[in-house]
Amino acid sequence: MSERAGTDATHPVLATLAPLLERVGGTLIAPTDGLPDDVPLVWEGVTLAWVRLAGSETEPAEGIRRLLSEVATQFGAPLSELPRADKQRAVRLLEERGAFSYRKSAETVAEALGVTRFTVYNYLNRTRP
């Protein structure tokens, strides 16, 4: 988690959320600087801060790249070099981690896997009940 000026990271709510924000690549934004895609952190009717998640409209590429990197590390190889079954598992992991909530994520994932966007959608459909 990173913090921008104007937030009190020592507040118990913000301190409690710090490990989660660190894991998801969230940034604390000052209470007066939130944007429409940011998530307000409200405690007792007061906005303590906003959370800007990696991959939001303000930082679209960072979040998806981070997730792709994490999954590639988990497989121990670049995603484009994985066999088909592992690419399908990678797509499942990416979906579980919210990668497909980002704008144009299917195209980005397809490029990383070295497949077409249509193939990514087929992999997604295979993993859904």
C-alpha atoms as a PDB file:
ATOM      1  CA  MET A   1       0.000   0.000   0.000  1.00  0.00           C
ATOM      2  CA  SER A   2       1.223   3.440  -0.698  1.00  0.00           C
ATOM      3  CA  GLU A   3      -0.063   6.552   0.945  1.00  0.00           C
ATOM      4  CA  ARG A   4      -0.547   9.999  -0.434  1.00  0.00           C
ATOM      5  CA  ALA A   5      -0.204  13.143   1.642  1.00  0.00           C
ATOM      6  CA  GLY A   6      -3.260  14.137   3.636  1.00  0.00           C
ATOM      7  CA  THR A   7      -4.207  10.730   5.046  1.00  0.00           C
ATOM      8  CA  ASP A   8      -3.706   9.602   8.627  1.00  0.00           C
ATOM      9  CA  ALA A   9      -2.426   6.043   8.211  1.00  0.00           C
ATOM     10  CA  THR A  10      -2.289   5.670  12.007  1.00  0.00           C
ATOM     11  CA  HIS A  11      -6.095   5.773  12.280  1.00  0.00           C
ATOM     12  CA  PRO A  12      -7.186   2.287  13.495  1.00  0.00           C
ATOM     13  CA  VAL A  13      -9.379   1.651  10.444  1.00  0.00           C
ATOM     14  CA  LEU A  14      -6.640   2.597   8.001  1.00  0.00           C
ATOM     15  CA  ALA A  15      -4.004   0.678   9.955  1.00  0.00           C
ATOM     16  CA  THR A  16      -6.247  -2.406   9.949  1.00  0.00           C
ATOM     17  CA  LEU A  17      -6.744  -2.203   6.193  1.00  0.00           C
ATOM     18  CA  ALA A  18      -3.040  -1.652   5.450  1.00  0.00           C
ATOM     19  CA  PRO A  19      -2.149  -5.358   4.910  1.00  0.00           C
ATOM     20  CA  LEU A  20      -5.061  -5.823   2.522  1.00  0.00           C
ATOM     21  CA  LEU A  21      -4.202  -2.694   0.576  1.00  0.00           C
ATOM     22  CA  GLU A  22      -0.582  -3.816   0.367  1.00  0.00           C
ATOM     23  CA  ARG A  23      -1.670  -7.151  -1.106  1.00  0.00           C
ATOM     24  CA  VAL A  24      -3.985  -5.671  -3.732  1.00  0.00           C
ATOM     25  CA  GLY A  25      -1.785  -2.719  -4.613  1.00  0.00           C
ATOM     26  CA  GLY A  26      -4.145  -0.121  -3.177  1.00  0.00           C
ATOM     27  CA  THR A  27      -3.193   3.481  -2.558  1.00  0.00           C
ATOM     28  CA  LEU A  28      -4.662   5.651   0.179  1.00  0.00           C
ATOM     29  CA  ILE A  29      -5.861   8.971  -1.184  1.00  0.00           C
ATOM     30  CA  ALA A  30      -6.561  12.045   0.957  1.00  0.00           C
ATOM     31  CA  PRO A  31     -10.230  12.541   1.870  1.00  0.00           C
ATOM     32  CA  THR A  32     -10.473  15.594  -0.384  1.00  0.00           C
ATOM     33  CA  ASP A  33      -8.821  13.994  -3.432  1.00  0.00           C
ATOM     34  CA  GLY A  34     -11.044  11.012  -4.258  1.00  0.00           C
ATOM     35  CA  LEU A  35     -12.071  10.342  -7.856  1.00  0.00           C
ATOM     36  CA  PRO A  36     -15.198   8.529  -9.127  1.00  0.00           C
ATOM     37  CA  ASP A  37     -13.405   5.169  -9.422  1.00  0.00           C
ATOM     38  CA  ASP A  38     -11.930   5.386  -5.911  1.00  0.00           C
ATOM     39  CA  VAL A  39     -13.539   3.650  -2.926  1.00  0.00           C
ATOM     40  CA  PRO A  40     -14.403   5.863   0.061  1.00  0.00           C
ATOM     41  CA  LEU A  41     -13.401   4.654   3.515  1.00  0.00           C
ATOM     42  CA  VAL A  42     -16.087   6.079   5.783  1.00  0.00           C
ATOM     43  CA  TRP A  43     -16.023   5.710   9.561  1.00  0.00           C
ATOM     44  CA  GLU A  44     -18.786   7.142  11.730  1.00  0.00           C
ATOM     45  CA  GLY A  45     -19.986   9.336   8.880  1.00  0.00           C
ATOM     46  CA  VAL A  46     -16.541  10.796   8.120  1.00  0.00           C
ATOM     47  CA  THR A  47     -14.528   9.951   5.004  1.00  0.00           C
ATOM     48  CA  LEU A  48     -11.104   8.999   6.367  1.00  0.00           C
ATOM     49  CA  ALA A  49      -9.535   8.417   2.969  1.00  0.00           C
ATOM     50  CA  TRP A  50     -10.199   6.950  -0.427  1.00  0.00           C
ATOM     51  CA  VAL A  51      -8.654   3.781  -1.813  1.00  0.00           C
ATOM     52  CA  ARG A  52      -7.387   3.823  -5.353  1.00  0.00           C
ATOM     53  CA  LEU A  53      -6.982   0.263  -6.528  1.00  0.00           C
ATOM     54  CA  ALA A  54      -4.376  -0.668  -9.078  1.00  0.00           C
ATOM     55  CA  GLY A  55      -6.231  -1.224 -12.295  1.00  0.00           C
ATOM     56  CA  SER A  56      -8.832   1.446 -11.688  1.00  0.00           C
ATOM     57  CA  GLU A  57      -9.548   3.918 -14.462  1.00  0.00           C
ATOM     58  CA  THR A  58      -6.772   6.064 -13.016  1.00  0.00           C
ATOM     59  CA  GLU A  59      -4.170   3.277 -13.060  1.00  0.00           C
ATOM     60  CA  PRO A  60      -5.492   0.655 -15.505  1.00  0.00           C
ATOM     61  CA  ALA A  61      -2.303  -0.967 -16.710  1.00  0.00           C
ATOM     62  CA  GLU A  62      -0.563  -1.400 -13.364  1.00  0.00           C
ATOM     63  CA  GLY A  63      -3.130  -3.728 -11.798  1.00  0.00           C
ATOM     64  CA  ILE A  64      -3.409  -6.163 -14.660  1.00  0.00           C
ATOM     65  CA  ARG A  65       0.369  -6.237 -15.147  1.00  0.00           C
ATOM     66  CA  ARG A  66       0.831  -6.993 -11.462  1.00  0.00           C
ATOM     67  CA  LEU A  67      -1.634  -9.892 -11.617  1.00  0.00           C
ATOM     68  CA  LEU A  68      -0.045 -11.285 -14.777  1.00  0.00           C
ATOM     69  CA  SER A  69       3.363 -11.102 -13.135  1.00  0.00           C
ATOM     70  CA  GLU A  70       2.114 -12.873  -9.993  1.00  0.00           C
ATOM     71  CA  VAL A  71       0.600 -15.716 -12.010  1.00  0.00           C
ATOM     72  CA  ALA A  72       3.713 -16.066 -14.191  1.00  0.00           C
ATOM     73  CA  THR A  73       5.817 -16.267 -11.036  1.00  0.00           C
ATOM     74  CA  GLN A  74       3.495 -18.915  -9.646  1.00  0.00           C
ATOM     75  CA  PHE A  75       3.982 -21.019 -12.804  1.00  0.00           C
ATOM     76  CA  GLY A  76       7.702 -20.298 -12.916  1.00  0.00           C
ATOM     77  CA  ALA A  77       7.714 -19.287 -16.586  1.00  0.00           C
ATOM     78  CA  PRO A  78       6.453 -16.571 -18.903  1.00  0.00           C
ATOM     79  CA  LEU A  79       2.757 -17.126 -19.553  1.00  0.00           C
ATOM     80  CA  SER A  80       3.293 -17.269 -23.304  1.00  0.00           C
ATOM     81  CA  GLU A  81       5.580 -20.317 -22.859  1.00  0.00           C
ATOM     82  CA  LEU A  82       3.091 -22.375 -20.856  1.00  0.00           C
ATOM     83  CA  PRO A  83       1.408 -25.427 -22.352  1.00  0.00           C
ATOM     84  CA  ARG A  84      -2.298 -25.103 -23.141  1.00  0.00           C
ATOM     85  CA  ALA A  85      -3.536 -26.736 -19.916  1.00  0.00           C
ATOM     86  CA  ASP A  86      -1.422 -24.361 -17.816  1.00  0.00           C
ATOM     87  CA  LYS A  87      -2.673 -21.376 -19.811  1.00  0.00           C
ATOM     88  CA  GLN A  88      -6.208 -22.469 -18.965  1.00  0.00           C
ATOM     89  CA  ARG A  89      -5.261 -22.725 -15.279  1.00  0.00           C
ATOM     90  CA  ALA A  90      -3.610 -19.300 -15.491  1.00  0.00           C
ATOM     91  CA  VAL A  91      -6.818 -17.797 -16.871  1.00  0.00           C
ATOM     92  CA  ARG A  92      -8.759 -19.409 -14.015  1.00  0.00           C
ATOM     93  CA  LEU A  93      -6.339 -17.933 -11.467  1.00  0.00           C
ATOM     94  CA  LEU A  94      -6.521 -14.523 -13.107  1.00  0.00           C
ATOM     95  CA  GLU A  95     -10.306 -14.635 -13.000  1.00  0.00           C
ATOM     96  CA  GLU A  96     -10.266 -15.633  -9.314  1.00  0.00           C
ATOM     97  CA  ARG A  97      -8.004 -12.651  -8.588  1.00  0.00           C
ATOM     98  CA  GLY A  98     -10.277 -10.215 -10.389  1.00  0.00           C
ATOM     99  CA  ALA A  99      -8.150  -9.612 -13.467  1.00  0.00           C
ATOM    100  CA  PHE A 100     -11.156  -9.569 -15.760  1.00  0.00           C
ATOM    101  CA  SER A 101     -12.781  -6.676 -13.951  1.00  0.00           C
ATOM    102  CA  TYR A 102     -10.251  -4.346 -15.591  1.00  0.00           C
ATOM    103  CA  ARG A 103     -11.049  -2.590 -18.820  1.00  0.00           C
ATOM    104  CA  LYS A 104      -9.667  -4.380 -21.904  1.00  0.00           C
ATOM    105  CA  SER A 105      -8.317  -7.138 -19.686  1.00  0.00           C
ATOM    106  CA  ALA A 106      -9.110  -9.963 -22.110  1.00  0.00           C
ATOM    107  CA  GLU A 107      -6.901  -8.319 -24.747  1.00  0.00           C
ATOM    108  CA  THR A 108      -4.095  -7.798 -22.250  1.00  0.00           C
ATOM    109  CA  VAL A 109      -4.297 -11.370 -20.968  1.00  0.00           C
ATOM    110  CA  ALA A 110      -4.432 -12.724 -24.526  1.00  0.00           C
ATOM    111  CA  GLU A 111      -1.285 -10.823 -25.419  1.00  0.00           C
ATOM    112  CA  ALA A 112       0.534 -12.119 -22.323  1.00  0.00           C
ATOM    113  CA  LEU A 113      -0.515 -15.704 -23.070  1.00  0.00           C
ATOM    114  CA  GLY A 114       0.282 -15.463 -26.771  1.00  0.00           C
ATOM    115  CA  VAL A 115      -3.262 -16.415 -27.757  1.00  0.00           C
ATOM    116  CA  THR A 116      -6.255 -14.624 -29.227  1.00  0.00           C
ATOM    117  CA  ARG A 117      -8.884 -12.802 -27.227  1.00  0.00           C
ATOM    118  CA  PHE A 118     -11.377 -15.402 -28.472  1.00  0.00           C
ATOM    119  CA  THR A 119      -9.218 -18.143 -26.919  1.00  0.00           C
ATOM    120  CA  VAL A 120      -9.189 -16.309 -23.578  1.00  0.00           C
ATOM    121  CA  TYR A 121     -13.003 -16.141 -23.675  1.00  0.00           C
ATOM    122  CA  ASN A 122     -13.110 -19.880 -24.447  1.00  0.00           C
ATOM    123  CA  TYR A 123     -10.853 -20.566 -21.448  1.00  0.00           C
ATOM    124  CA  LEU A 124     -13.114 -18.413 -19.279  1.00  0.00           C
ATOM    125  CA  ASN A 125     -16.218 -20.258 -20.446  1.00  0.00           C
ATOM    126  CA  ARG A 126     -14.580 -23.602 -19.634  1.00  0.00           C
ATOM    127  CA  THR A 127     -13.993 -22.518 -16.019  1.00  0.00           C
ATOM    128  CA  ARG A 128     -17.520 -21.256 -15.409  1.00  0.00           C
ATOM    129  CA  PRO A 129     -20.343 -23.633 -14.390  1.00  0.00           C
END
